[in-house]
Each structure stands twice: as C-alpha cells, then as structure tokens.
Amino acid sequence: ASDIIAEWINENMYVRKSLRRKFQRSGVISTKVVKAKKEEENAQK
C-alpha cells in the first residue's frame, strides 16, 4: 500500500510543479573527483 501511496505522491501535479521550481531555483550541481583517475595527465585540465 505504501508503494502505491509513493507513486500517488510522485504523480501529484502540485508536488511535482513545486519541487520542480525548487530544483530550478535552488538546485546545486556538485562534483567530486574519481580518486582512481585523479593523477592522470588528461584529468588535470
């Protein structure tokens, strides 16, 4: 029943629109290096 409720929440127009605006206005793109490739020459650029 919780799985069905989770899907209803996902399909809620108001919730999706509001969260979409939050991602558009407050979303942050964050990056982290892949340690195994950090020292490669091409990685330095």
ModelCIF file with pLDDT and N, C-alpha, C, O atoms, coordinates in Angstrom:
data_MODEL
#
_entry.id   MODEL 
#
_entity.id                         1 
_entity.type                       polymer 
_entity.pdbx_number_of_molecules   1 
#
_entity_poly.entity_id                      1 
_entity_poly.type                           'polypeptide(L)' 
_entity_poly.nstd_linkage                   no 
_entity_poly.nstd_monomer                   no 
_entity_poly.pdbx_seq_one_letter_code       ASDIIAEWINENMYVRKSLRRKFQRSGVISTKVVKAKKEEENAQK 
_entity_poly.pdbx_seq_one_letter_code_can   ASDIIAEWINENMYVRKSLRRKFQRSGVISTKVVKAKKEEENAQK 
_entity_poly.pdbx_strand_id                 A 
#
loop_
_entity_poly_seq.entity_id 
_entity_poly_seq.num 
_entity_poly_seq.mon_id 
_entity_poly_seq.hetero 
1 1  ALA n 
1 2  SER n 
1 3  ASP n 
1 4  ILE n 
1 5  ILE n 
1 6  ALA n 
1 7  GLU n 
1 8  TRP n 
1 9  ILE n 
1 10 ASN n 
1 11 GLU n 
1 12 ASN n 
1 13 MET n 
1 14 TYR n 
1 15 VAL n 
1 16 ARG n 
1 17 LYS n 
1 18 SER n 
1 19 LEU n 
1 20 ARG n 
1 21 ARG n 
1 22 LYS n 
1 23 PHE n 
1 24 GLN n 
1 25 ARG n 
1 26 SER n 
1 27 GLY n 
1 28 VAL n 
1 29 ILE n 
1 30 SER n 
1 31 THR n 
1 32 LYS n 
1 33 VAL n 
1 34 VAL n 
1 35 LYS n 
1 36 ALA n 
1 37 LYS n 
1 38 LYS n 
1 39 GLU n 
1 40 GLU n 
1 41 GLU n 
1 42 ASN n 
1 43 ALA n 
1 44 GLN n 
1 45 LYS n 
#
_struct_asym.id          A 
_struct_asym.entity_id   1 
#
loop_
_ma_qa_metric.id 
_ma_qa_metric.mode 
_ma_qa_metric.name 
_ma_qa_metric.software_group_id 
_ma_qa_metric.type 
1 global pLDDT . pLDDT 
2 local  pLDDT . pLDDT 
#
_ma_qa_metric_global.metric_id      1 
_ma_qa_metric_global.metric_value   93.18 
_ma_qa_metric_global.model_id       1 
_ma_qa_metric_global.ordinal_id     1 
#
loop_
_ma_qa_metric_local.label_asym_id 
_ma_qa_metric_local.label_comp_id 
_ma_qa_metric_local.label_seq_id 
_ma_qa_metric_local.metric_id 
_ma_qa_metric_local.metric_value 
_ma_qa_metric_local.model_id 
_ma_qa_metric_local.ordinal_id 
A ALA 1  2 96.00 1 1  
A SER 2  2 97.00 1 2  
A ASP 3  2 96.00 1 3  
A ILE 4  2 97.00 1 4  
A ILE 5  2 97.00 1 5  
A ALA 6  2 97.00 1 6  
A GLU 7  2 95.00 1 7  
A TRP 8  2 97.00 1 8  
A ILE 9  2 97.00 1 9  
A ASN 10 2 95.00 1 10 
A GLU 11 2 94.00 1 11 
A ASN 12 2 95.00 1 12 
A MET 13 2 94.00 1 13 
A TYR 14 2 95.00 1 14 
A VAL 15 2 96.00 1 15 
A ARG 16 2 95.00 1 16 
A LYS 17 2 95.00 1 17 
A SER 18 2 96.00 1 18 
A LEU 19 2 97.00 1 19 
A ARG 20 2 95.00 1 20 
A ARG 21 2 95.00 1 21 
A LYS 22 2 96.00 1 22 
A PHE 23 2 96.00 1 23 
A GLN 24 2 94.00 1 24 
A ARG 25 2 93.00 1 25 
A SER 26 2 94.00 1 26 
A GLY 27 2 95.00 1 27 
A VAL 28 2 96.00 1 28 
A ILE 29 2 96.00 1 29 
A SER 30 2 95.00 1 30 
A THR 31 2 95.00 1 31 
A LYS 32 2 95.00 1 32 
A VAL 33 2 93.00 1 33 
A VAL 34 2 93.00 1 34 
A LYS 35 2 91.00 1 35 
A ALA 36 2 89.00 1 36 
A LYS 37 2 89.00 1 37 
A LYS 38 2 86.00 1 38 
A GLU 39 2 85.00 1 39 
A GLU 40 2 87.00 1 40 
A GLU 41 2 82.00 1 41 
A ASN 42 2 85.00 1 42 
A ALA 43 2 86.00 1 43 
A GLN 44 2 85.00 1 44 
A LYS 45 2 86.00 1 45 
#
loop_
_atom_site.group_PDB 
_atom_site.id 
_atom_site.type_symbol 
_atom_site.label_atom_id 
_atom_site.label_alt_id 
_atom_site.label_comp_id 
_atom_site.label_asym_id 
_atom_site.label_entity_id 
_atom_site.label_seq_id 
_atom_site.pdbx_PDB_ins_code 
_atom_site.Cartn_x 
_atom_site.Cartn_y 
_atom_site.Cartn_z 
_atom_site.occupancy 
_atom_site.B_iso_or_equiv 
_atom_site.pdbx_formal_charge 
_atom_site.auth_seq_id 
_atom_site.auth_comp_id 
_atom_site.auth_asym_id 
_atom_site.auth_atom_id 
_atom_site.pdbx_PDB_model_num 
ATOM 1   N N  . ALA A 1 1  ? 0.838  -1.204 0.000   1.00 96.00 ? 1  ALA A N  1 
ATOM 2   C CA . ALA A 1 1  ? 0.000  0.000  0.000   1.00 96.00 ? 1  ALA A CA 1 
ATOM 3   C C  . ALA A 1 1  ? 0.873  1.254  0.000   1.00 96.00 ? 1  ALA A C  1 
ATOM 4   O O  . ALA A 1 1  ? 0.536  2.253  -0.636  1.00 96.00 ? 1  ALA A O  1 
ATOM 5   N N  . SER A 1 2  ? 2.006  1.193  0.724   1.00 97.00 ? 2  SER A N  1 
ATOM 6   C CA . SER A 1 2  ? 2.932  2.338  0.772   1.00 97.00 ? 2  SER A CA 1 
ATOM 7   C C  . SER A 1 2  ? 3.559  2.601  -0.593  1.00 97.00 ? 2  SER A C  1 
ATOM 8   O O  . SER A 1 2  ? 3.791  3.749  -0.971  1.00 97.00 ? 2  SER A O  1 
ATOM 9   N N  . ASP A 1 3  ? 3.833  1.513  -1.335  1.00 96.00 ? 3  ASP A N  1 
ATOM 10  C CA . ASP A 1 3  ? 4.380  1.676  -2.689  1.00 96.00 ? 3  ASP A CA 1 
ATOM 11  C C  . ASP A 1 3  ? 3.386  2.418  -3.581  1.00 96.00 ? 3  ASP A C  1 
ATOM 12  O O  . ASP A 1 3  ? 3.771  3.267  -4.385  1.00 96.00 ? 3  ASP A O  1 
ATOM 13  N N  . ILE A 1 4  ? 2.101  2.084  -3.427  1.00 97.00 ? 4  ILE A N  1 
ATOM 14  C CA . ILE A 1 4  ? 1.067  2.770  -4.213  1.00 97.00 ? 4  ILE A CA 1 
ATOM 15  C C  . ILE A 1 4  ? 0.980  4.237  -3.805  1.00 97.00 ? 4  ILE A C  1 
ATOM 16  O O  . ILE A 1 4  ? 0.869  5.115  -4.661  1.00 97.00 ? 4  ILE A O  1 
ATOM 17  N N  . ILE A 1 5  ? 1.030  4.505  -2.495  1.00 97.00 ? 5  ILE A N  1 
ATOM 18  C CA . ILE A 1 5  ? 0.962  5.885  -1.995  1.00 97.00 ? 5  ILE A CA 1 
ATOM 19  C C  . ILE A 1 5  ? 2.165  6.685  -2.503  1.00 97.00 ? 5  ILE A C  1 
ATOM 20  O O  . ILE A 1 5  ? 2.021  7.847  -2.883  1.00 97.00 ? 5  ILE A O  1 
ATOM 21  N N  . ALA A 1 6  ? 3.361  6.062  -2.509  1.00 97.00 ? 6  ALA A N  1 
ATOM 22  C CA . ALA A 1 6  ? 4.573  6.742  -3.007  1.00 97.00 ? 6  ALA A CA 1 
ATOM 23  C C  . ALA A 1 6  ? 4.389  7.149  -4.464  1.00 97.00 ? 6  ALA A C  1 
ATOM 24  O O  . ALA A 1 6  ? 4.811  8.229  -4.876  1.00 97.00 ? 6  ALA A O  1 
ATOM 25  N N  . GLU A 1 7  ? 3.754  6.273  -5.239  1.00 95.00 ? 7  GLU A N  1 
ATOM 26  C CA . GLU A 1 7  ? 3.515  6.595  -6.646  1.00 95.00 ? 7  GLU A CA 1 
ATOM 27  C C  . GLU A 1 7  ? 2.494  7.723  -6.787  1.00 95.00 ? 7  GLU A C  1 
ATOM 28  O O  . GLU A 1 7  ? 2.640  8.589  -7.649  1.00 95.00 ? 7  GLU A O  1 
ATOM 29  N N  . TRP A 1 8  ? 1.464  7.713  -5.943  1.00 97.00 ? 8  TRP A N  1 
ATOM 30  C CA . TRP A 1 8  ? 0.483  8.810  -5.981  1.00 97.00 ? 8  TRP A CA 1 
ATOM 31  C C  . TRP A 1 8  ? 1.157  10.149 -5.700  1.00 97.00 ? 8  TRP A C  1 
ATOM 32  O O  . TRP A 1 8  ? 0.882  11.153 -6.356  1.00 97.00 ? 8  TRP A O  1 
ATOM 33  N N  . ILE A 1 9  ? 2.050  10.138 -4.704  1.00 97.00 ? 9  ILE A N  1 
ATOM 34  C CA . ILE A 1 9  ? 2.759  11.381 -4.353  1.00 97.00 ? 9  ILE A CA 1 
ATOM 35  C C  . ILE A 1 9  ? 3.615  11.846 -5.526  1.00 97.00 ? 9  ILE A C  1 
ATOM 36  O O  . ILE A 1 9  ? 3.674  13.036 -5.838  1.00 97.00 ? 9  ILE A O  1 
ATOM 37  N N  . ASN A 1 10 ? 4.276  10.886 -6.171  1.00 95.00 ? 10 ASN A N  1 
ATOM 38  C CA . ASN A 1 10 ? 5.105  11.198 -7.338  1.00 95.00 ? 10 ASN A CA 1 
ATOM 39  C C  . ASN A 1 10 ? 4.275  11.800 -8.467  1.00 95.00 ? 10 ASN A C  1 
ATOM 40  O O  . ASN A 1 10 ? 4.766  12.640 -9.221  1.00 95.00 ? 10 ASN A O  1 
ATOM 41  N N  . GLU A 1 11 ? 3.017  11.371 -8.585  1.00 94.00 ? 11 GLU A N  1 
ATOM 42  C CA . GLU A 1 11 ? 2.156  11.836 -9.681  1.00 94.00 ? 11 GLU A CA 1 
ATOM 43  C C  . GLU A 1 11 ? 1.332  13.069 -9.307  1.00 94.00 ? 11 GLU A C  1 
ATOM 44  O O  . GLU A 1 11 ? 0.559  13.574 -10.122 1.00 94.00 ? 11 GLU A O  1 
ATOM 45  N N  . ASN A 1 12 ? 1.498  13.549 -8.083  1.00 95.00 ? 12 ASN A N  1 
ATOM 46  C CA . ASN A 1 12 ? 0.755  14.724 -7.625  1.00 95.00 ? 12 ASN A CA 1 
ATOM 47  C C  . ASN A 1 12 ? 1.254  15.974 -8.370  1.00 95.00 ? 12 ASN A C  1 
ATOM 48  O O  . ASN A 1 12 ? 2.412  16.366 -8.222  1.00 95.00 ? 12 ASN A O  1 
ATOM 49  N N  . MET A 1 13 ? 0.379  16.592 -9.168  1.00 94.00 ? 13 MET A N  1 
ATOM 50  C CA . MET A 1 13 ? 0.770  17.724 -10.014 1.00 94.00 ? 13 MET A CA 1 
ATOM 51  C C  . MET A 1 13 ? 1.354  18.874 -9.202  1.00 94.00 ? 13 MET A C  1 
ATOM 52  O O  . MET A 1 13 ? 2.370  19.454 -9.584  1.00 94.00 ? 13 MET A O  1 
ATOM 53  N N  . TYR A 1 14 ? 0.714  19.202 -8.085  1.00 95.00 ? 14 TYR A N  1 
ATOM 54  C CA . TYR A 1 14 ? 1.163  20.337 -7.277  1.00 95.00 ? 14 TYR A CA 1 
ATOM 55  C C  . TYR A 1 14 ? 2.543  20.056 -6.685  1.00 95.00 ? 14 TYR A C  1 
ATOM 56  O O  . TYR A 1 14 ? 3.424  20.916 -6.702  1.00 95.00 ? 14 TYR A O  1 
ATOM 57  N N  . VAL A 1 15 ? 2.717  18.856 -6.167  1.00 96.00 ? 15 VAL A N  1 
ATOM 58  C CA . VAL A 1 15 ? 4.006  18.489 -5.568  1.00 96.00 ? 15 VAL A CA 1 
ATOM 59  C C  . VAL A 1 15 ? 5.118  18.535 -6.621  1.00 96.00 ? 15 VAL A C  1 
ATOM 60  O O  . VAL A 1 15 ? 6.188  19.092 -6.376  1.00 96.00 ? 15 VAL A O  1 
ATOM 61  N N  . ARG A 1 16 ? 4.859  17.947 -7.790  1.00 95.00 ? 16 ARG A N  1 
ATOM 62  C CA . ARG A 1 16 ? 5.887  17.928 -8.848  1.00 95.00 ? 16 ARG A CA 1 
ATOM 63  C C  . ARG A 1 16 ? 6.230  19.336 -9.314  1.00 95.00 ? 16 ARG A C  1 
ATOM 64  O O  . ARG A 1 16 ? 7.404  19.672 -9.468  1.00 95.00 ? 16 ARG A O  1 
ATOM 65  N N  . LYS A 1 17 ? 5.211  20.160 -9.540  1.00 95.00 ? 17 LYS A N  1 
ATOM 66  C CA . LYS A 1 17 ? 5.464  21.535 -10.003 1.00 95.00 ? 17 LYS A CA 1 
ATOM 67  C C  . LYS A 1 17 ? 6.282  22.313 -8.980  1.00 95.00 ? 17 LYS A C  1 
ATOM 68  O O  . LYS A 1 17 ? 7.228  23.022 -9.325  1.00 95.00 ? 17 LYS A O  1 
ATOM 69  N N  . SER A 1 18 ? 5.899  22.166 -7.715  1.00 96.00 ? 18 SER A N  1 
ATOM 70  C CA . SER A 1 18 ? 6.579  22.934 -6.659  1.00 96.00 ? 18 SER A CA 1 
ATOM 71  C C  . SER A 1 18 ? 8.025  22.485 -6.499  1.00 96.00 ? 18 SER A C  1 
ATOM 72  O O  . SER A 1 18 ? 8.933  23.311 -6.400  1.00 96.00 ? 18 SER A O  1 
ATOM 73  N N  . LEU A 1 19 ? 8.235  21.168 -6.474  1.00 97.00 ? 19 LEU A N  1 
ATOM 74  C CA . LEU A 1 19 ? 9.609  20.673 -6.338  1.00 97.00 ? 19 LEU A CA 1 
ATOM 75  C C  . LEU A 1 19 ? 10.436 20.987 -7.583  1.00 97.00 ? 19 LEU A C  1 
ATOM 76  O O  . LEU A 1 19 ? 11.636 21.245 -7.494  1.00 97.00 ? 19 LEU A O  1 
ATOM 77  N N  . ARG A 1 20 ? 9.788  20.962 -8.729  1.00 95.00 ? 20 ARG A N  1 
ATOM 78  C CA . ARG A 1 20 ? 10.496 21.312 -9.976  1.00 95.00 ? 20 ARG A CA 1 
ATOM 79  C C  . ARG A 1 20 ? 11.030 22.748 -9.879  1.00 95.00 ? 20 ARG A C  1 
ATOM 80  O O  . ARG A 1 20 ? 12.169 23.023 -10.255 1.00 95.00 ? 20 ARG A O  1 
ATOM 81  N N  . ARG A 1 21 ? 10.196 23.650 -9.373  1.00 95.00 ? 21 ARG A N  1 
ATOM 82  C CA . ARG A 1 21 ? 10.639 25.051 -9.204  1.00 95.00 ? 21 ARG A CA 1 
ATOM 83  C C  . ARG A 1 21 ? 11.800 25.134 -8.221  1.00 95.00 ? 21 ARG A C  1 
ATOM 84  O O  . ARG A 1 21 ? 12.730 25.917 -8.413  1.00 95.00 ? 21 ARG A O  1 
ATOM 85  N N  . LYS A 1 22 ? 11.739 24.309 -7.149  1.00 96.00 ? 22 LYS A N  1 
ATOM 86  C CA . LYS A 1 22 ? 12.830 24.318 -6.170  1.00 96.00 ? 22 LYS A CA 1 
ATOM 87  C C  . LYS A 1 22 ? 14.140 23.860 -6.821  1.00 96.00 ? 22 LYS A C  1 
ATOM 88  O O  . LYS A 1 22 ? 15.198 24.434 -6.561  1.00 96.00 ? 22 LYS A O  1 
ATOM 89  N N  . PHE A 1 23 ? 14.069 22.833 -7.658  1.00 96.00 ? 23 PHE A N  1 
ATOM 90  C CA . PHE A 1 23 ? 15.273 22.372 -8.350  1.00 96.00 ? 23 PHE A CA 1 
ATOM 91  C C  . PHE A 1 23 ? 15.785 23.449 -9.305  1.00 96.00 ? 23 PHE A C  1 
ATOM 92  O O  . PHE A 1 23 ? 16.992 23.648 -9.437  1.00 96.00 ? 23 PHE A O  1 
ATOM 93  N N  . GLN A 1 24 ? 14.855 24.143 -9.972  1.00 94.00 ? 24 GLN A N  1 
ATOM 94  C CA . GLN A 1 24 ? 15.258 25.185 -10.919 1.00 94.00 ? 24 GLN A CA 1 
ATOM 95  C C  . GLN A 1 24 ? 15.891 26.377 -10.213 1.00 94.00 ? 24 GLN A C  1 
ATOM 96  O O  . GLN A 1 24 ? 16.867 26.950 -10.697 1.00 94.00 ? 24 GLN A O  1 
ATOM 97  N N  . ARG A 1 25 ? 15.319 26.750 -9.048  1.00 93.00 ? 25 ARG A N  1 
ATOM 98  C CA . ARG A 1 25 ? 15.774 27.965 -8.356  1.00 93.00 ? 25 ARG A CA 1 
ATOM 99  C C  . ARG A 1 25 ? 16.841 27.708 -7.302  1.00 93.00 ? 25 ARG A C  1 
ATOM 100 O O  . ARG A 1 25 ? 17.686 28.567 -7.048  1.00 93.00 ? 25 ARG A O  1 
ATOM 101 N N  . SER A 1 26 ? 16.806 26.532 -6.690  1.00 94.00 ? 26 SER A N  1 
ATOM 102 C CA . SER A 1 26 ? 17.722 26.264 -5.576  1.00 94.00 ? 26 SER A CA 1 
ATOM 103 C C  . SER A 1 26 ? 18.635 25.078 -5.820  1.00 94.00 ? 26 SER A C  1 
ATOM 104 O O  . SER A 1 26 ? 19.500 24.784 -4.994  1.00 94.00 ? 26 SER A O  1 
ATOM 105 N N  . GLY A 1 27 ? 18.457 24.391 -6.940  1.00 95.00 ? 27 GLY A N  1 
ATOM 106 C CA . GLY A 1 27 ? 19.275 23.218 -7.215  1.00 95.00 ? 27 GLY A CA 1 
ATOM 107 C C  . GLY A 1 27 ? 20.747 23.568 -7.326  1.00 95.00 ? 27 GLY A C  1 
ATOM 108 O O  . GLY A 1 27 ? 21.111 24.607 -7.876  1.00 95.00 ? 27 GLY A O  1 
ATOM 109 N N  . VAL A 1 28 ? 21.586 22.693 -6.799  1.00 96.00 ? 28 VAL A N  1 
ATOM 110 C CA . VAL A 1 28 ? 23.039 22.900 -6.823  1.00 96.00 ? 28 VAL A CA 1 
ATOM 111 C C  . VAL A 1 28 ? 23.682 21.710 -7.515  1.00 96.00 ? 28 VAL A C  1 
ATOM 112 O O  . VAL A 1 28 ? 23.387 20.559 -7.195  1.00 96.00 ? 28 VAL A O  1 
ATOM 113 N N  . ILE A 1 29 ? 24.567 21.999 -8.468  1.00 96.00 ? 29 ILE A N  1 
ATOM 114 C CA . ILE A 1 29 ? 25.343 20.926 -9.091  1.00 96.00 ? 29 ILE A CA 1 
ATOM 115 C C  . ILE A 1 29 ? 26.665 20.826 -8.345  1.00 96.00 ? 29 ILE A C  1 
ATOM 116 O O  . ILE A 1 29 ? 27.413 21.800 -8.257  1.00 96.00 ? 29 ILE A O  1 
ATOM 117 N N  . SER A 1 30 ? 26.947 19.654 -7.815  1.00 95.00 ? 30 SER A N  1 
ATOM 118 C CA . SER A 1 30 ? 28.169 19.454 -7.029  1.00 95.00 ? 30 SER A CA 1 
ATOM 119 C C  . SER A 1 30 ? 28.971 18.314 -7.642  1.00 95.00 ? 30 SER A C  1 
ATOM 120 O O  . SER A 1 30 ? 28.401 17.345 -8.145  1.00 95.00 ? 30 SER A O  1 
ATOM 121 N N  . THR A 1 31 ? 30.285 18.431 -7.598  1.00 95.00 ? 31 THR A N  1 
ATOM 122 C CA . THR A 1 31 ? 31.161 17.445 -8.230  1.00 95.00 ? 31 THR A CA 1 
ATOM 123 C C  . THR A 1 31 ? 32.189 16.902 -7.245  1.00 95.00 ? 31 THR A C  1 
ATOM 124 O O  . THR A 1 31 ? 32.575 17.575 -6.290  1.00 95.00 ? 31 THR A O  1 
ATOM 125 N N  . LYS A 1 32 ? 32.626 15.665 -7.500  1.00 95.00 ? 32 LYS A N  1 
ATOM 126 C CA . LYS A 1 32 ? 33.698 15.040 -6.734  1.00 95.00 ? 32 LYS A CA 1 
ATOM 127 C C  . LYS A 1 32 ? 34.605 14.287 -7.702  1.00 95.00 ? 32 LYS A C  1 
ATOM 128 O O  . LYS A 1 32 ? 34.135 13.665 -8.654  1.00 95.00 ? 32 LYS A O  1 
ATOM 129 N N  . VAL A 1 33 ? 35.892 14.352 -7.450  1.00 93.00 ? 33 VAL A N  1 
ATOM 130 C CA . VAL A 1 33 ? 36.846 13.680 -8.324  1.00 93.00 ? 33 VAL A CA 1 
ATOM 131 C C  . VAL A 1 33 ? 36.782 12.168 -8.115  1.00 93.00 ? 33 VAL A C  1 
ATOM 132 O O  . VAL A 1 33 ? 36.521 11.692 -7.010  1.00 93.00 ? 33 VAL A O  1 
ATOM 133 N N  . VAL A 1 34 ? 37.025 11.424 -9.191  1.00 93.00 ? 34 VAL A N  1 
ATOM 134 C CA . VAL A 1 34 ? 37.187 9.973  -9.099  1.00 93.00 ? 34 VAL A CA 1 
ATOM 135 C C  . VAL A 1 34 ? 38.646 9.728  -8.721  1.00 93.00 ? 34 VAL A C  1 
ATOM 136 O O  . VAL A 1 34 ? 39.543 9.905  -9.545  1.00 93.00 ? 34 VAL A O  1 
ATOM 137 N N  . LYS A 1 35 ? 38.877 9.325  -7.484  1.00 91.00 ? 35 LYS A N  1 
ATOM 138 C CA . LYS A 1 35 ? 40.239 9.259  -6.945  1.00 91.00 ? 35 LYS A CA 1 
ATOM 139 C C  . LYS A 1 35 ? 41.170 8.407  -7.798  1.00 91.00 ? 35 LYS A C  1 
ATOM 140 O O  . LYS A 1 35 ? 42.351 8.726  -7.941  1.00 91.00 ? 35 LYS A O  1 
ATOM 141 N N  . ALA A 1 36 ? 40.650 7.340  -8.358  1.00 89.00 ? 36 ALA A N  1 
ATOM 142 C CA . ALA A 1 36 ? 41.495 6.429  -9.134  1.00 89.00 ? 36 ALA A CA 1 
ATOM 143 C C  . ALA A 1 36 ? 42.052 7.084  -10.396 1.00 89.00 ? 36 ALA A C  1 
ATOM 144 O O  . ALA A 1 36 ? 43.052 6.622  -10.945 1.00 89.00 ? 36 ALA A O  1 
ATOM 145 N N  . LYS A 1 37 ? 41.405 8.164  -10.861 1.00 89.00 ? 37 LYS A N  1 
ATOM 146 C CA . LYS A 1 37 ? 41.838 8.807  -12.112 1.00 89.00 ? 37 LYS A CA 1 
ATOM 147 C C  . LYS A 1 37 ? 42.397 10.212 -11.883 1.00 89.00 ? 37 LYS A C  1 
ATOM 148 O O  . LYS A 1 37 ? 42.751 10.912 -12.831 1.00 89.00 ? 37 LYS A O  1 
ATOM 149 N N  . LYS A 1 38 ? 42.471 10.610 -10.623 1.00 86.00 ? 38 LYS A N  1 
ATOM 150 C CA . LYS A 1 38 ? 42.870 11.977 -10.280 1.00 86.00 ? 38 LYS A CA 1 
ATOM 151 C C  . LYS A 1 38 ? 44.237 12.364 -10.809 1.00 86.00 ? 38 LYS A C  1 
ATOM 152 O O  . LYS A 1 38 ? 44.442 13.508 -11.215 1.00 86.00 ? 38 LYS A O  1 
ATOM 153 N N  . GLU A 1 39 ? 45.178 11.424 -10.811 1.00 85.00 ? 39 GLU A N  1 
ATOM 154 C CA . GLU A 1 39 ? 46.558 11.746 -11.178 1.00 85.00 ? 39 GLU A CA 1 
ATOM 155 C C  . GLU A 1 39 ? 46.832 11.610 -12.677 1.00 85.00 ? 39 GLU A C  1 
ATOM 156 O O  . GLU A 1 39 ? 47.933 11.916 -13.135 1.00 85.00 ? 39 GLU A O  1 
ATOM 157 N N  . GLU A 1 40 ? 45.853 11.160 -13.431 1.00 87.00 ? 40 GLU A N  1 
ATOM 158 C CA . GLU A 1 40 ? 46.072 11.028 -14.874 1.00 87.00 ? 40 GLU A CA 1 
ATOM 159 C C  . GLU A 1 40 ? 46.330 12.393 -15.500 1.00 87.00 ? 40 GLU A C  1 
ATOM 160 O O  . GLU A 1 40 ? 45.779 13.404 -15.065 1.00 87.00 ? 40 GLU A O  1 
ATOM 161 N N  . GLU A 1 41 ? 47.173 12.408 -16.522 1.00 82.00 ? 41 GLU A N  1 
ATOM 162 C CA . GLU A 1 41 ? 47.572 13.677 -17.154 1.00 82.00 ? 41 GLU A CA 1 
ATOM 163 C C  . GLU A 1 41 ? 46.372 14.448 -17.702 1.00 82.00 ? 41 GLU A C  1 
ATOM 164 O O  . GLU A 1 41 ? 46.254 15.654 -17.483 1.00 82.00 ? 41 GLU A O  1 
ATOM 165 N N  . ASN A 1 42 ? 45.496 13.764 -18.403 1.00 85.00 ? 42 ASN A N  1 
ATOM 166 C CA . ASN A 1 42 ? 44.333 14.436 -19.003 1.00 85.00 ? 42 ASN A CA 1 
ATOM 167 C C  . ASN A 1 42 ? 43.347 14.945 -17.957 1.00 85.00 ? 42 ASN A C  1 
ATOM 168 O O  . ASN A 1 42 ? 42.530 15.822 -18.236 1.00 85.00 ? 42 ASN A O  1 
ATOM 169 N N  . ALA A 1 43 ? 43.430 14.391 -16.756 1.00 86.00 ? 43 ALA A N  1 
ATOM 170 C CA . ALA A 1 43 ? 42.500 14.814 -15.701 1.00 86.00 ? 43 ALA A CA 1 
ATOM 171 C C  . ALA A 1 43 ? 42.791 16.237 -15.232 1.00 86.00 ? 43 ALA A C  1 
ATOM 172 O O  . ALA A 1 43 ? 41.904 16.922 -14.723 1.00 86.00 ? 43 ALA A O  1 
ATOM 173 N N  . GLN A 1 44 ? 44.026 16.674 -15.406 1.00 85.00 ? 44 GLN A N  1 
ATOM 174 C CA . GLN A 1 44 ? 44.427 17.969 -14.851 1.00 85.00 ? 44 GLN A CA 1 
ATOM 175 C C  . GLN A 1 44 ? 43.693 19.154 -15.485 1.00 85.00 ? 44 GLN A C  1 
ATOM 176 O O  . GLN A 1 44 ? 43.537 20.198 -14.853 1.00 85.00 ? 44 GLN A O  1 
ATOM 177 N N  . LYS A 1 45 ? 43.243 18.993 -16.728 1.00 86.00 ? 45 LYS A N  1 
ATOM 178 C CA . LYS A 1 45 ? 42.511 20.100 -17.354 1.00 86.00 ? 45 LYS A CA 1 
ATOM 179 C C  . LYS A 1 45 ? 41.143 20.302 -16.710 1.00 86.00 ? 45 LYS A C  1 
ATOM 180 O O  . LYS A 1 45 ? 40.396 21.192 -17.115 1.00 86.00 ? 45 LYS A O  1 
#
